[in-house]
Amino acid sequence: MEQTMKNKKYILILTILLSVVFTTEIFAGNRAKRGTSGAQELLLSVGGRGTALSGASISLSTGLDAIHWNPAGLAGGFTNSNVEALFSSTDYIEDVGINYAGVGINVTDFGVVAFSLKSLSFGDIPVTTESFPDGTGDTYSPSFITLSASYSKQLTDRIAVGFTTKFISENIQRTSAVGFAVDAGVIYKVASGTAFDGLRFGVVLKNIGPNMQFEGADLEEMKIPNNSDPSAQQMPFRYVSQAFELPSTFEMGLSYDYLVQDEITISPMVAFQSVNFGDDQFKIAGEINYANFIYARGGFSFQDNSTDEVIYVEGPTFGFGLNYSLGSSVLGFDYSLSKVSVFDGGNHTIALKVTF
């Protein structure tokens, strides 16, 4: 027993040391394509737990909160429940709002299926034109919506897999773009009762899909083709927009549940994210769990910008969670605060969860 506790301590130290390794290793992101991908709303986090952990919870997220981070963790939230519903709202930078809702159902031996909706709100934006650069008096509000269907199954007590298909819709007045994407992930948990009990690995590919392109009436206009010809008549012109890639990522994470006392568990975690549109990201976080009732969380993410100076928006994250049992049902509340470096204040996320 004493030897097992020593091994657990060594694993805890190893996990922390790996976080240092992640900070020193250089992975080659594609700086030449920085800022060229679209559908950036796919990267905006939802839910309170993973956001408070800076997205380092690739191997630890469970239930509906896992859909955004790693769909393989979806089934892990249904070990003692059949239905789960999650609602979250984020007060993002510059009055942008992120609203999210999801529901999951445990279909016995088949696995867990879930459906979710993410919507962005931008408020009312003044309409400006060449003739009225200060505004026409009208307003518009873009509509960015992502509909998702997810599936996850616990193949064994140690291995879980998951997939998510996404329908993406972006609409700005009379111009719109639609697209499809797929996420796929795996989580491996070391067998219980061994010296490495509590260690988890997670790997996920996100936002794999074809390019998107804007089309619509606002890309068409009547104009005179040759201004030097006084007899020229107006003709219809159509502007062809440039197709853009989705923000695809490859992510892997490592976490370890260390039992300090009977009801207190500390879970350090690290994650690495390789992107197709800029610098790679490194994430470090930790969670303290008291009796599956109260949770304290914190994390930090940063990017490899060793070759040039770039100001990044995201900074440290903090949060807490509460779970309250009502018979066979559980009510959950999560809050997270993400500090930002170039805007005042931070991003606040509130999430409510119910399982039964």
Protein backbone atom coordinates (compact mmCIF):
# COMPACT_ATOMS: atom_id res chain seq x y z
CA MET A 1 0.00 0.00 0.00
CA GLU A 2 2.81 2.35 0.95
CA GLN A 3 4.65 1.52 -2.28
CA THR A 4 1.52 2.26 -4.32
CA MET A 5 1.18 5.67 -2.65
CA LYS A 6 4.82 6.41 -3.47
CA ASN A 7 4.25 5.45 -7.10
CA LYS A 8 1.23 7.75 -7.24
CA LYS A 9 3.37 10.61 -5.94
CA TYR A 10 5.98 9.89 -8.59
CA ILE A 11 3.29 9.99 -11.28
CA LEU A 12 2.02 13.30 -9.92
CA ILE A 13 5.53 14.72 -10.11
CA LEU A 14 5.99 13.27 -13.60
CA THR A 15 2.79 14.92 -14.82
CA ILE A 16 3.92 18.28 -13.49
CA LEU A 17 7.36 17.84 -15.06
CA LEU A 18 5.74 17.06 -18.39
CA SER A 19 4.09 20.45 -18.22
CA VAL A 20 7.57 21.96 -18.07
CA VAL A 21 8.62 19.86 -21.06
CA PHE A 22 5.62 21.14 -23.00
CA THR A 23 6.73 24.69 -22.29
CA THR A 24 10.20 24.12 -23.69
CA GLU A 25 9.51 21.89 -26.67
CA ILE A 26 8.94 23.69 -29.96
CA PHE A 27 6.27 22.34 -32.29
CA ALA A 28 6.07 23.85 -35.74
CA GLY A 29 2.85 25.76 -36.24
CA ASN A 30 2.12 27.29 -39.64
CA ARG A 31 2.75 31.01 -39.17
CA ALA A 32 2.48 31.64 -42.92
CA LYS A 33 -1.25 30.87 -42.72
CA ARG A 34 -1.96 32.87 -39.57
CA GLY A 35 -5.31 34.62 -39.86
CA THR A 36 -6.33 32.87 -43.09
CA SER A 37 -8.88 30.40 -41.74
CA GLY A 38 -12.54 31.18 -41.19
CA ALA A 39 -15.39 29.88 -39.03
CA GLN A 40 -13.47 30.94 -35.94
CA GLU A 41 -16.60 30.42 -33.84
CA LEU A 42 -15.74 26.70 -33.89
CA LEU A 43 -12.82 27.48 -31.58
CA LEU A 44 -14.81 29.49 -29.05
CA SER A 45 -15.19 27.42 -25.91
CA VAL A 46 -18.48 26.57 -24.22
CA GLY A 47 -19.34 25.22 -20.79
CA GLY A 48 -17.78 26.20 -17.51
CA ARG A 49 -15.44 23.33 -16.65
CA GLY A 50 -13.23 23.06 -19.73
CA THR A 51 -13.10 26.84 -20.12
CA ALA A 52 -11.88 27.26 -16.53
CA LEU A 53 -9.18 24.67 -17.32
CA SER A 54 -7.95 26.63 -20.38
CA GLY A 55 -8.90 23.73 -22.65
CA ALA A 56 -6.30 21.43 -21.09
CA SER A 57 -9.03 18.90 -20.22
CA ILE A 58 -8.65 16.87 -23.44
CA SER A 59 -8.36 13.65 -21.42
CA LEU A 60 -10.53 14.63 -18.44
CA SER A 61 -13.77 16.22 -19.74
CA THR A 62 -16.92 14.12 -19.41
CA GLY A 63 -20.59 14.43 -20.36
CA LEU A 64 -21.88 17.22 -22.55
CA ASP A 65 -19.00 19.46 -21.51
CA ALA A 66 -16.69 17.09 -23.41
CA ILE A 67 -18.35 17.62 -26.81
CA HIS A 68 -16.33 20.77 -27.50
CA TRP A 69 -13.04 19.46 -26.04
CA ASN A 70 -13.03 15.75 -26.89
CA PRO A 71 -16.23 13.88 -27.84
CA ALA A 72 -14.73 10.64 -26.54
CA GLY A 73 -15.41 11.90 -23.02
CA LEU A 74 -19.15 12.22 -23.65
CA ALA A 75 -19.92 8.65 -22.55
CA GLY A 76 -17.95 9.13 -19.33
CA GLY A 77 -20.64 11.42 -17.95
CA PHE A 78 -23.38 8.80 -18.22
CA THR A 79 -22.10 6.08 -15.89
CA ASN A 80 -24.85 6.85 -13.36
CA SER A 81 -27.42 8.67 -15.52
CA ASN A 82 -29.47 8.26 -18.68
CA VAL A 83 -30.13 11.87 -19.70
CA GLU A 84 -28.09 15.05 -19.36
CA ALA A 85 -28.87 18.62 -20.38
CA LEU A 86 -26.41 21.52 -20.41
CA PHE A 87 -26.92 25.25 -20.91
CA SER A 88 -24.13 27.80 -20.94
CA SER A 89 -23.79 31.49 -21.70
CA THR A 90 -20.54 33.40 -22.22
CA ASP A 91 -20.08 37.15 -22.05
CA TYR A 92 -17.33 37.38 -24.64
CA ILE A 93 -15.16 40.34 -25.64
CA GLU A 94 -16.73 43.51 -27.05
CA ASP A 95 -20.32 42.58 -26.17
CA VAL A 96 -20.26 39.35 -28.18
CA GLY A 97 -22.31 36.58 -26.57
CA ILE A 98 -21.90 32.81 -26.92
CA ASN A 99 -24.98 30.73 -26.10
CA TYR A 100 -24.88 26.94 -25.99
CA ALA A 101 -27.41 24.19 -25.30
CA GLY A 102 -27.06 20.44 -25.49
CA VAL A 103 -28.83 17.25 -24.53
CA GLY A 104 -27.46 13.72 -24.37
CA ILE A 105 -29.14 10.31 -24.02
CA ASN A 106 -27.63 7.01 -22.94
CA VAL A 107 -28.94 4.40 -25.41
CA THR A 108 -28.02 1.31 -23.32
CA ASP A 109 -25.49 -0.89 -25.15
CA PHE A 110 -25.39 1.31 -28.25
CA GLY A 111 -23.62 4.23 -26.58
CA VAL A 112 -24.42 7.88 -25.90
CA VAL A 113 -25.87 10.23 -28.50
CA ALA A 114 -26.07 13.99 -28.06
CA PHE A 115 -27.25 17.06 -29.93
CA SER A 116 -26.06 20.60 -29.33
CA LEU A 117 -26.47 24.13 -30.62
CA LYS A 118 -23.97 26.99 -30.41
CA SER A 119 -25.09 30.49 -31.36
CA LEU A 120 -23.25 33.81 -31.37
CA SER A 121 -24.96 37.13 -30.72
CA PHE A 122 -23.37 40.37 -31.96
CA GLY A 123 -26.06 42.90 -31.09
CA ASP A 124 -27.24 45.53 -33.57
CA ILE A 125 -24.55 46.81 -35.96
CA PRO A 126 -25.14 50.06 -37.95
CA VAL A 127 -25.45 49.65 -41.73
CA THR A 128 -22.90 51.75 -43.62
CA THR A 129 -22.54 52.24 -47.37
CA GLU A 130 -20.31 54.19 -49.76
CA SER A 131 -22.93 56.93 -49.85
CA PHE A 132 -23.56 56.86 -46.10
CA PRO A 133 -20.25 55.96 -44.39
CA ASP A 134 -21.60 57.20 -41.05
CA GLY A 135 -24.63 54.93 -41.25
CA THR A 136 -27.98 54.76 -43.00
CA GLY A 137 -29.98 54.58 -39.78
CA ASP A 138 -30.62 50.86 -40.24
CA THR A 139 -28.96 48.04 -38.30
CA TYR A 140 -28.24 44.37 -38.86
CA SER A 141 -27.10 41.43 -36.72
CA PRO A 142 -25.01 38.55 -38.14
CA SER A 143 -26.15 35.02 -37.41
CA PHE A 144 -23.46 32.41 -36.67
CA ILE A 145 -24.88 29.00 -35.73
CA THR A 146 -23.30 25.57 -35.30
CA LEU A 147 -25.50 22.47 -35.00
CA SER A 148 -23.80 19.29 -33.79
CA ALA A 149 -24.63 15.62 -33.45
CA SER A 150 -22.29 13.50 -31.32
CA TYR A 151 -21.77 9.83 -30.53
CA SER A 152 -19.57 8.28 -27.86
CA LYS A 153 -19.08 4.79 -26.53
CA GLN A 154 -17.09 3.30 -23.67
CA LEU A 155 -15.50 0.37 -25.53
CA THR A 156 -13.91 -0.99 -22.36
CA ASP A 157 -13.44 0.28 -18.83
CA ARG A 158 -10.29 1.99 -20.12
CA ILE A 159 -10.97 3.06 -23.71
CA ALA A 160 -13.62 5.49 -24.99
CA VAL A 161 -14.15 6.87 -28.48
CA GLY A 162 -16.33 9.67 -29.78
CA PHE A 163 -17.33 11.54 -32.95
CA THR A 164 -19.09 14.80 -33.67
CA THR A 165 -20.51 16.06 -36.96
CA LYS A 166 -21.16 19.79 -37.31
CA PHE A 167 -23.30 21.91 -39.58
CA ILE A 168 -21.94 25.45 -39.76
CA SER A 169 -23.99 28.45 -40.87
CA GLU A 170 -22.75 32.04 -41.14
CA ASN A 171 -25.11 34.75 -42.31
CA ILE A 172 -24.34 38.46 -42.69
CA GLN A 173 -27.32 40.34 -44.15
CA ARG A 174 -27.81 38.84 -47.63
CA THR A 175 -24.51 36.96 -47.70
CA SER A 176 -24.04 33.52 -46.21
CA ALA A 177 -21.73 30.52 -46.04
CA VAL A 178 -22.42 26.96 -44.94
CA GLY A 179 -20.06 24.12 -44.15
CA PHE A 180 -19.60 20.76 -42.47
CA ALA A 181 -16.95 19.48 -40.10
CA VAL A 182 -16.10 16.37 -38.11
CA ASP A 183 -14.37 15.84 -34.74
CA ALA A 184 -12.98 12.48 -33.64
CA GLY A 185 -11.31 11.60 -30.35
CA VAL A 186 -10.03 8.81 -28.11
CA ILE A 187 -9.46 8.67 -24.35
CA TYR A 188 -7.40 5.97 -22.66
CA LYS A 189 -7.48 5.44 -18.91
CA VAL A 190 -4.88 3.30 -17.18
CA ALA A 191 -6.35 0.24 -15.47
CA SER A 192 -7.47 0.74 -11.88
CA GLY A 193 -5.61 -1.02 -9.13
CA THR A 194 -2.23 -0.52 -10.81
CA ALA A 195 0.57 1.85 -9.91
CA PHE A 196 -0.55 4.14 -12.74
CA ASP A 197 -4.20 4.25 -11.67
CA GLY A 198 -5.61 7.72 -12.37
CA LEU A 199 -3.52 8.47 -15.45
CA ARG A 200 -5.43 9.41 -18.61
CA PHE A 201 -4.44 10.16 -22.20
CA GLY A 202 -6.58 11.93 -24.77
CA VAL A 203 -6.19 12.60 -28.51
CA VAL A 204 -8.62 14.48 -30.73
CA LEU A 205 -8.87 15.85 -34.26
CA LYS A 206 -11.24 18.79 -34.65
CA ASN A 207 -12.95 20.70 -37.43
CA ILE A 208 -11.96 18.46 -40.32
CA GLY A 209 -14.01 19.43 -43.36
CA PRO A 210 -14.14 21.12 -46.77
CA ASN A 211 -13.56 24.81 -47.36
CA MET A 212 -16.36 27.33 -46.94
CA GLN A 213 -17.22 30.25 -49.23
CA PHE A 214 -19.54 33.24 -48.92
CA GLU A 215 -22.26 33.77 -51.52
CA GLY A 216 -25.32 35.97 -51.75
CA ALA A 217 -27.03 39.04 -53.11
CA ASP A 218 -24.69 41.46 -51.32
CA LEU A 219 -21.88 40.22 -53.58
CA GLU A 220 -23.79 41.44 -56.62
CA GLU A 221 -24.29 44.96 -57.93
CA MET A 222 -25.17 46.96 -61.03
CA LYS A 223 -22.30 49.05 -62.40
CA ILE A 224 -21.01 50.60 -65.60
CA PRO A 225 -18.22 48.41 -67.00
CA ASN A 226 -16.39 51.22 -68.77
CA ASN A 227 -16.60 54.67 -67.16
CA SER A 228 -14.93 56.35 -70.15
CA ASP A 229 -17.74 55.37 -72.49
CA PRO A 230 -20.68 57.78 -71.98
CA SER A 231 -23.02 55.42 -73.80
CA ALA A 232 -22.25 52.44 -71.54
CA GLN A 233 -25.16 50.97 -69.62
CA GLN A 234 -25.17 49.46 -66.20
CA MET A 235 -24.65 45.71 -66.11
CA PRO A 236 -24.90 43.13 -63.31
CA PHE A 237 -21.60 42.19 -61.70
CA ARG A 238 -20.97 39.35 -59.27
CA TYR A 239 -17.98 39.28 -56.96
CA VAL A 240 -16.55 35.85 -56.22
CA SER A 241 -15.38 35.55 -52.62
CA GLN A 242 -12.26 33.65 -51.63
CA ALA A 243 -12.90 30.19 -50.16
CA PHE A 244 -11.44 29.69 -46.71
CA GLU A 245 -10.30 26.73 -44.64
CA LEU A 246 -11.79 25.59 -41.38
CA PRO A 247 -9.65 26.01 -38.23
CA SER A 248 -8.58 22.37 -37.99
CA THR A 249 -6.63 21.26 -34.92
CA PHE A 250 -4.82 18.22 -33.58
CA GLU A 251 -4.77 18.03 -29.79
CA MET A 252 -3.40 15.65 -27.21
CA GLY A 253 -3.59 15.81 -23.44
CA LEU A 254 -2.46 14.08 -20.29
CA SER A 255 -4.05 14.20 -16.83
CA TYR A 256 -3.68 12.44 -13.51
CA ASP A 257 -6.14 12.05 -10.63
CA TYR A 258 -4.20 12.09 -7.36
CA LEU A 259 -6.18 11.11 -4.27
CA VAL A 260 -4.89 13.32 -1.45
CA GLN A 261 -7.45 12.18 1.14
CA ASP A 262 -10.62 10.12 1.05
CA GLU A 263 -12.69 12.97 -0.41
CA ILE A 264 -10.08 15.27 -1.96
CA THR A 265 -8.64 14.67 -5.44
CA ILE A 266 -6.16 16.87 -7.26
CA SER A 267 -5.99 16.56 -11.05
CA PRO A 268 -3.09 18.29 -12.83
CA MET A 269 -3.20 18.23 -16.62
CA VAL A 270 -1.32 19.40 -19.69
CA ALA A 271 -2.30 19.62 -23.35
CA PHE A 272 -0.79 20.51 -26.70
CA GLN A 273 -2.72 21.90 -29.66
CA SER A 274 -1.37 22.02 -33.20
CA VAL A 275 -3.31 24.29 -35.54
CA ASN A 276 -3.40 24.76 -39.31
CA PHE A 277 -3.61 28.54 -39.22
CA GLY A 278 -1.00 29.85 -36.81
CA ASP A 279 1.09 29.06 -33.75
CA ASP A 280 0.81 25.93 -31.65
CA GLN A 281 -0.71 26.24 -28.18
CA PHE A 282 0.38 24.80 -24.85
CA LYS A 283 -2.02 24.45 -21.94
CA ILE A 284 -1.51 23.76 -18.25
CA ALA A 285 -4.31 23.44 -15.69
CA GLY A 286 -5.41 21.85 -12.45
CA GLU A 287 -8.63 20.92 -10.66
CA ILE A 288 -9.34 20.25 -6.98
CA ASN A 289 -12.35 18.02 -6.34
CA TYR A 290 -13.89 17.78 -2.89
CA ALA A 291 -16.35 14.86 -2.56
CA ASN A 292 -17.65 15.41 -6.12
CA PHE A 293 -19.43 18.41 -4.64
CA ILE A 294 -17.16 21.45 -4.85
CA TYR A 295 -14.54 22.05 -7.54
CA ALA A 296 -11.82 24.69 -7.84
CA ARG A 297 -10.12 25.14 -11.21
CA GLY A 298 -7.43 27.17 -12.88
CA GLY A 299 -5.31 27.11 -16.01
CA PHE A 300 -3.18 28.97 -18.48
CA SER A 301 -2.63 28.70 -22.23
CA PHE A 302 0.08 30.28 -24.33
CA GLN A 303 1.46 30.08 -27.83
CA ASP A 304 4.88 29.63 -29.35
CA ASN A 305 5.78 33.09 -30.67
CA SER A 306 9.53 32.83 -30.30
CA THR A 307 10.29 34.27 -33.74
CA ASP A 308 8.22 37.43 -33.59
CA GLU A 309 6.25 39.50 -31.13
CA VAL A 310 2.52 38.88 -31.17
CA ILE A 311 -0.09 40.04 -28.66
CA TYR A 312 -2.54 37.29 -27.76
CA VAL A 313 -5.99 37.84 -26.33
CA GLU A 314 -6.30 34.85 -23.99
CA GLY A 315 -4.65 34.65 -20.59
CA PRO A 316 -5.11 32.76 -17.31
CA THR A 317 -8.46 31.15 -16.47
CA PHE A 318 -10.18 30.50 -13.15
CA GLY A 319 -13.41 28.87 -12.09
CA PHE A 320 -15.36 26.73 -9.70
CA GLY A 321 -18.16 24.20 -9.82
CA LEU A 322 -20.92 22.84 -7.59
CA ASN A 323 -22.87 19.59 -7.84
CA TYR A 324 -25.99 19.01 -5.77
CA SER A 325 -27.76 15.64 -5.64
CA LEU A 326 -31.55 15.45 -5.64
CA GLY A 327 -32.30 11.78 -5.32
CA SER A 328 -31.32 10.19 -8.62
CA SER A 329 -30.81 13.59 -10.26
CA VAL A 330 -27.83 15.94 -10.04
CA LEU A 331 -27.87 19.71 -10.53
CA GLY A 332 -24.57 21.24 -11.55
CA PHE A 333 -23.34 24.83 -11.72
CA ASP A 334 -20.04 25.94 -13.24
CA TYR A 335 -18.47 29.36 -13.54
CA SER A 336 -15.30 30.42 -15.32
CA LEU A 337 -13.40 33.65 -15.84
CA SER A 338 -10.96 33.98 -18.72
CA LYS A 339 -8.68 36.99 -18.43
CA VAL A 340 -7.88 38.85 -21.65
CA SER A 341 -4.82 40.96 -22.35
CA VAL A 342 -6.03 43.56 -24.85
CA PHE A 343 -9.57 44.19 -23.58
CA ASP A 344 -10.85 45.37 -20.23
CA GLY A 345 -12.20 42.78 -17.80
CA GLY A 346 -12.54 39.18 -18.93
CA ASN A 347 -14.82 36.58 -20.45
CA HIS A 348 -17.40 35.22 -18.02
CA THR A 349 -19.09 31.85 -18.55
CA ILE A 350 -22.00 30.45 -16.56
CA ALA A 351 -23.16 26.87 -17.14
CA LEU A 352 -26.07 24.89 -15.70
CA LYS A 353 -26.29 21.11 -15.95
CA VAL A 354 -28.90 18.57 -14.93
CA THR A 355 -28.63 14.79 -15.09
CA PHE A 356 -31.23 12.16 -14.31
